[in-house]
N, C-alpha and C. Protein backbone atom coordinates (compact mmCIF):
# COMPACT_ATOMS: atom_id res chain seq x y z
N MET A 1 42.08 -21.40 -26.70
CA MET A 1 40.69 -21.49 -26.29
C MET A 1 39.93 -20.31 -26.90
N LYS A 2 38.77 -20.58 -27.48
CA LYS A 2 37.93 -19.53 -28.03
C LYS A 2 37.16 -18.84 -26.90
N ILE A 3 36.80 -17.61 -27.15
CA ILE A 3 36.04 -16.87 -26.14
C ILE A 3 34.67 -17.52 -25.92
N THR A 4 34.13 -18.15 -26.96
CA THR A 4 32.81 -18.77 -26.80
C THR A 4 32.87 -19.98 -25.87
N ASP A 5 34.07 -20.57 -25.71
CA ASP A 5 34.20 -21.71 -24.81
C ASP A 5 34.45 -21.29 -23.37
N ASP A 6 34.81 -20.02 -23.19
CA ASP A 6 35.16 -19.53 -21.84
C ASP A 6 33.93 -18.85 -21.23
N TYR A 7 33.41 -19.43 -20.16
CA TYR A 7 32.20 -18.90 -19.53
C TYR A 7 32.46 -17.57 -18.82
N ASN A 8 33.67 -17.28 -18.40
CA ASN A 8 33.99 -16.06 -17.67
C ASN A 8 34.53 -14.96 -18.58
N ALA A 9 34.52 -15.17 -19.89
CA ALA A 9 35.09 -14.18 -20.81
C ALA A 9 34.35 -12.85 -20.74
N LYS A 10 33.03 -12.88 -20.62
CA LYS A 10 32.28 -11.62 -20.60
C LYS A 10 32.64 -10.78 -19.39
N TYR A 11 32.94 -11.44 -18.27
CA TYR A 11 33.33 -10.68 -17.07
C TYR A 11 34.68 -10.01 -17.28
N ARG A 12 35.59 -10.70 -17.94
CA ARG A 12 36.89 -10.09 -18.23
C ARG A 12 36.73 -8.94 -19.21
N LEU A 13 35.86 -9.10 -20.20
CA LEU A 13 35.63 -8.01 -21.15
C LEU A 13 35.01 -6.80 -20.46
N TRP A 14 34.06 -7.03 -19.57
CA TRP A 14 33.44 -5.93 -18.83
C TRP A 14 34.44 -5.26 -17.90
N ALA A 15 35.31 -6.05 -17.28
CA ALA A 15 36.29 -5.48 -16.35
C ALA A 15 37.38 -4.73 -17.09
N ALA A 16 37.64 -5.07 -18.34
CA ALA A 16 38.69 -4.40 -19.11
C ALA A 16 38.29 -2.97 -19.45
N LYS A 17 37.01 -2.73 -19.73
CA LYS A 17 36.54 -1.38 -20.09
C LYS A 17 35.32 -1.04 -19.24
N PRO A 18 35.53 -0.68 -17.99
CA PRO A 18 34.36 -0.35 -17.16
C PRO A 18 33.78 1.00 -17.57
N THR A 19 32.48 1.06 -17.65
CA THR A 19 31.80 2.33 -17.93
C THR A 19 30.90 2.66 -16.74
N VAL A 20 31.07 3.85 -16.24
CA VAL A 20 30.27 4.30 -15.10
C VAL A 20 29.20 5.23 -15.63
N VAL A 21 27.97 4.86 -15.40
CA VAL A 21 26.84 5.66 -15.85
C VAL A 21 26.20 6.28 -14.61
N PRO A 22 26.14 7.61 -14.54
CA PRO A 22 25.54 8.22 -13.36
C PRO A 22 24.04 7.95 -13.30
N ALA A 23 23.58 7.68 -12.12
CA ALA A 23 22.15 7.44 -11.92
C ALA A 23 21.41 8.77 -11.91
N PRO A 24 20.19 8.81 -12.43
CA PRO A 24 19.44 10.06 -12.40
C PRO A 24 19.08 10.41 -10.95
N ALA A 25 18.88 11.69 -10.74
CA ALA A 25 18.53 12.16 -9.41
C ALA A 25 17.16 11.60 -9.02
N ALA A 26 17.07 11.06 -7.84
CA ALA A 26 15.82 10.48 -7.37
C ALA A 26 14.85 11.60 -6.98
N PRO A 27 13.57 11.40 -7.23
CA PRO A 27 12.61 12.44 -6.83
C PRO A 27 12.49 12.49 -5.32
N ARG A 28 12.19 13.66 -4.82
CA ARG A 28 12.00 13.81 -3.38
C ARG A 28 10.70 13.13 -2.99
N LEU A 29 10.81 12.26 -2.02
CA LEU A 29 9.62 11.54 -1.56
C LEU A 29 8.77 12.44 -0.69
N PRO A 30 7.45 12.36 -0.85
CA PRO A 30 6.59 13.15 0.02
C PRO A 30 6.65 12.62 1.45
N ASP A 31 6.35 13.49 2.39
CA ASP A 31 6.36 13.08 3.79
C ASP A 31 5.14 12.19 4.06
N PHE A 32 5.44 10.99 4.52
CA PHE A 32 4.36 10.07 4.86
C PHE A 32 4.08 10.19 6.35
N LYS A 33 2.86 10.49 6.67
CA LYS A 33 2.44 10.60 8.06
C LYS A 33 1.99 9.23 8.57
N SER A 34 1.96 9.09 9.87
CA SER A 34 1.45 7.87 10.47
C SER A 34 -0.04 7.76 10.16
N LYS A 35 -0.44 6.60 9.70
CA LYS A 35 -1.81 6.44 9.27
C LYS A 35 -2.31 5.05 9.66
N ARG A 36 -3.56 4.98 10.06
CA ARG A 36 -4.17 3.69 10.41
C ARG A 36 -5.25 3.36 9.39
N PHE A 37 -5.33 2.09 9.09
CA PHE A 37 -6.31 1.63 8.11
C PHE A 37 -7.24 0.63 8.78
N SER A 38 -8.50 0.67 8.37
CA SER A 38 -9.48 -0.23 8.97
C SER A 38 -9.53 -1.57 8.25
N SER A 39 -8.95 -1.65 7.04
CA SER A 39 -8.96 -2.92 6.31
C SER A 39 -7.78 -2.97 5.34
N HIS A 40 -7.50 -4.17 4.87
CA HIS A 40 -6.44 -4.32 3.88
C HIS A 40 -6.82 -3.65 2.57
N ALA A 41 -8.09 -3.65 2.24
CA ALA A 41 -8.54 -3.01 1.00
C ALA A 41 -8.27 -1.51 1.04
N GLU A 42 -8.51 -0.89 2.20
CA GLU A 42 -8.24 0.54 2.36
C GLU A 42 -6.74 0.81 2.26
N LEU A 43 -5.92 -0.05 2.86
CA LEU A 43 -4.47 0.08 2.77
C LEU A 43 -4.02 -0.04 1.32
N ASN A 44 -4.55 -1.02 0.60
CA ASN A 44 -4.14 -1.22 -0.79
C ASN A 44 -4.56 -0.06 -1.68
N THR A 45 -5.73 0.52 -1.41
CA THR A 45 -6.17 1.69 -2.16
C THR A 45 -5.23 2.87 -1.93
N TRP A 46 -4.87 3.11 -0.68
CA TRP A 46 -3.95 4.20 -0.37
C TRP A 46 -2.58 3.94 -0.99
N LYS A 47 -2.11 2.69 -0.92
CA LYS A 47 -0.80 2.34 -1.46
C LYS A 47 -0.77 2.55 -2.97
N LEU A 48 -1.84 2.17 -3.66
CA LEU A 48 -1.91 2.36 -5.11
C LEU A 48 -1.86 3.84 -5.47
N SER A 49 -2.59 4.66 -4.73
CA SER A 49 -2.57 6.10 -5.02
C SER A 49 -1.20 6.70 -4.72
N ALA A 50 -0.53 6.23 -3.66
CA ALA A 50 0.80 6.73 -3.33
C ALA A 50 1.80 6.33 -4.40
N LEU A 51 1.71 5.11 -4.90
CA LEU A 51 2.63 4.67 -5.95
C LEU A 51 2.40 5.42 -7.25
N ARG A 52 1.14 5.74 -7.53
CA ARG A 52 0.85 6.53 -8.75
C ARG A 52 1.44 7.94 -8.64
N ARG A 53 1.33 8.54 -7.45
CA ARG A 53 1.92 9.87 -7.25
C ARG A 53 3.44 9.81 -7.42
N LEU A 54 4.07 8.77 -6.87
CA LEU A 54 5.52 8.63 -7.02
C LEU A 54 5.91 8.40 -8.48
N ALA A 55 5.10 7.67 -9.21
CA ALA A 55 5.41 7.42 -10.62
C ALA A 55 5.33 8.71 -11.42
N GLN A 56 4.41 9.60 -11.06
CA GLN A 56 4.31 10.87 -11.76
C GLN A 56 5.48 11.79 -11.44
N LEU A 57 6.06 11.65 -10.24
CA LEU A 57 7.20 12.47 -9.85
C LEU A 57 8.50 12.01 -10.49
N SER A 58 8.59 10.74 -10.85
CA SER A 58 9.84 10.20 -11.34
C SER A 58 10.14 10.75 -12.72
N PRO A 59 11.41 11.05 -12.99
CA PRO A 59 11.77 11.55 -14.32
C PRO A 59 11.70 10.42 -15.33
N SER A 60 10.99 10.66 -16.40
CA SER A 60 10.89 9.64 -17.45
C SER A 60 11.71 10.10 -18.65
N LYS A 61 12.26 9.11 -19.32
CA LYS A 61 13.09 9.43 -20.50
C LYS A 61 12.54 8.76 -21.71
């Protein structure tokens, strides 16, 4: 049987030579305080700014 005919061949190839790649250190998350919002628009604005801050903290390669 050829490897191209075997659907599970790639899993056997991956299992034969496992490579462990360490994950990069996660950035420390800022402390989120309890907060109330008067509308969904206000929540979404705050969420967008929080995600932008987290994106700037993340290590880029």
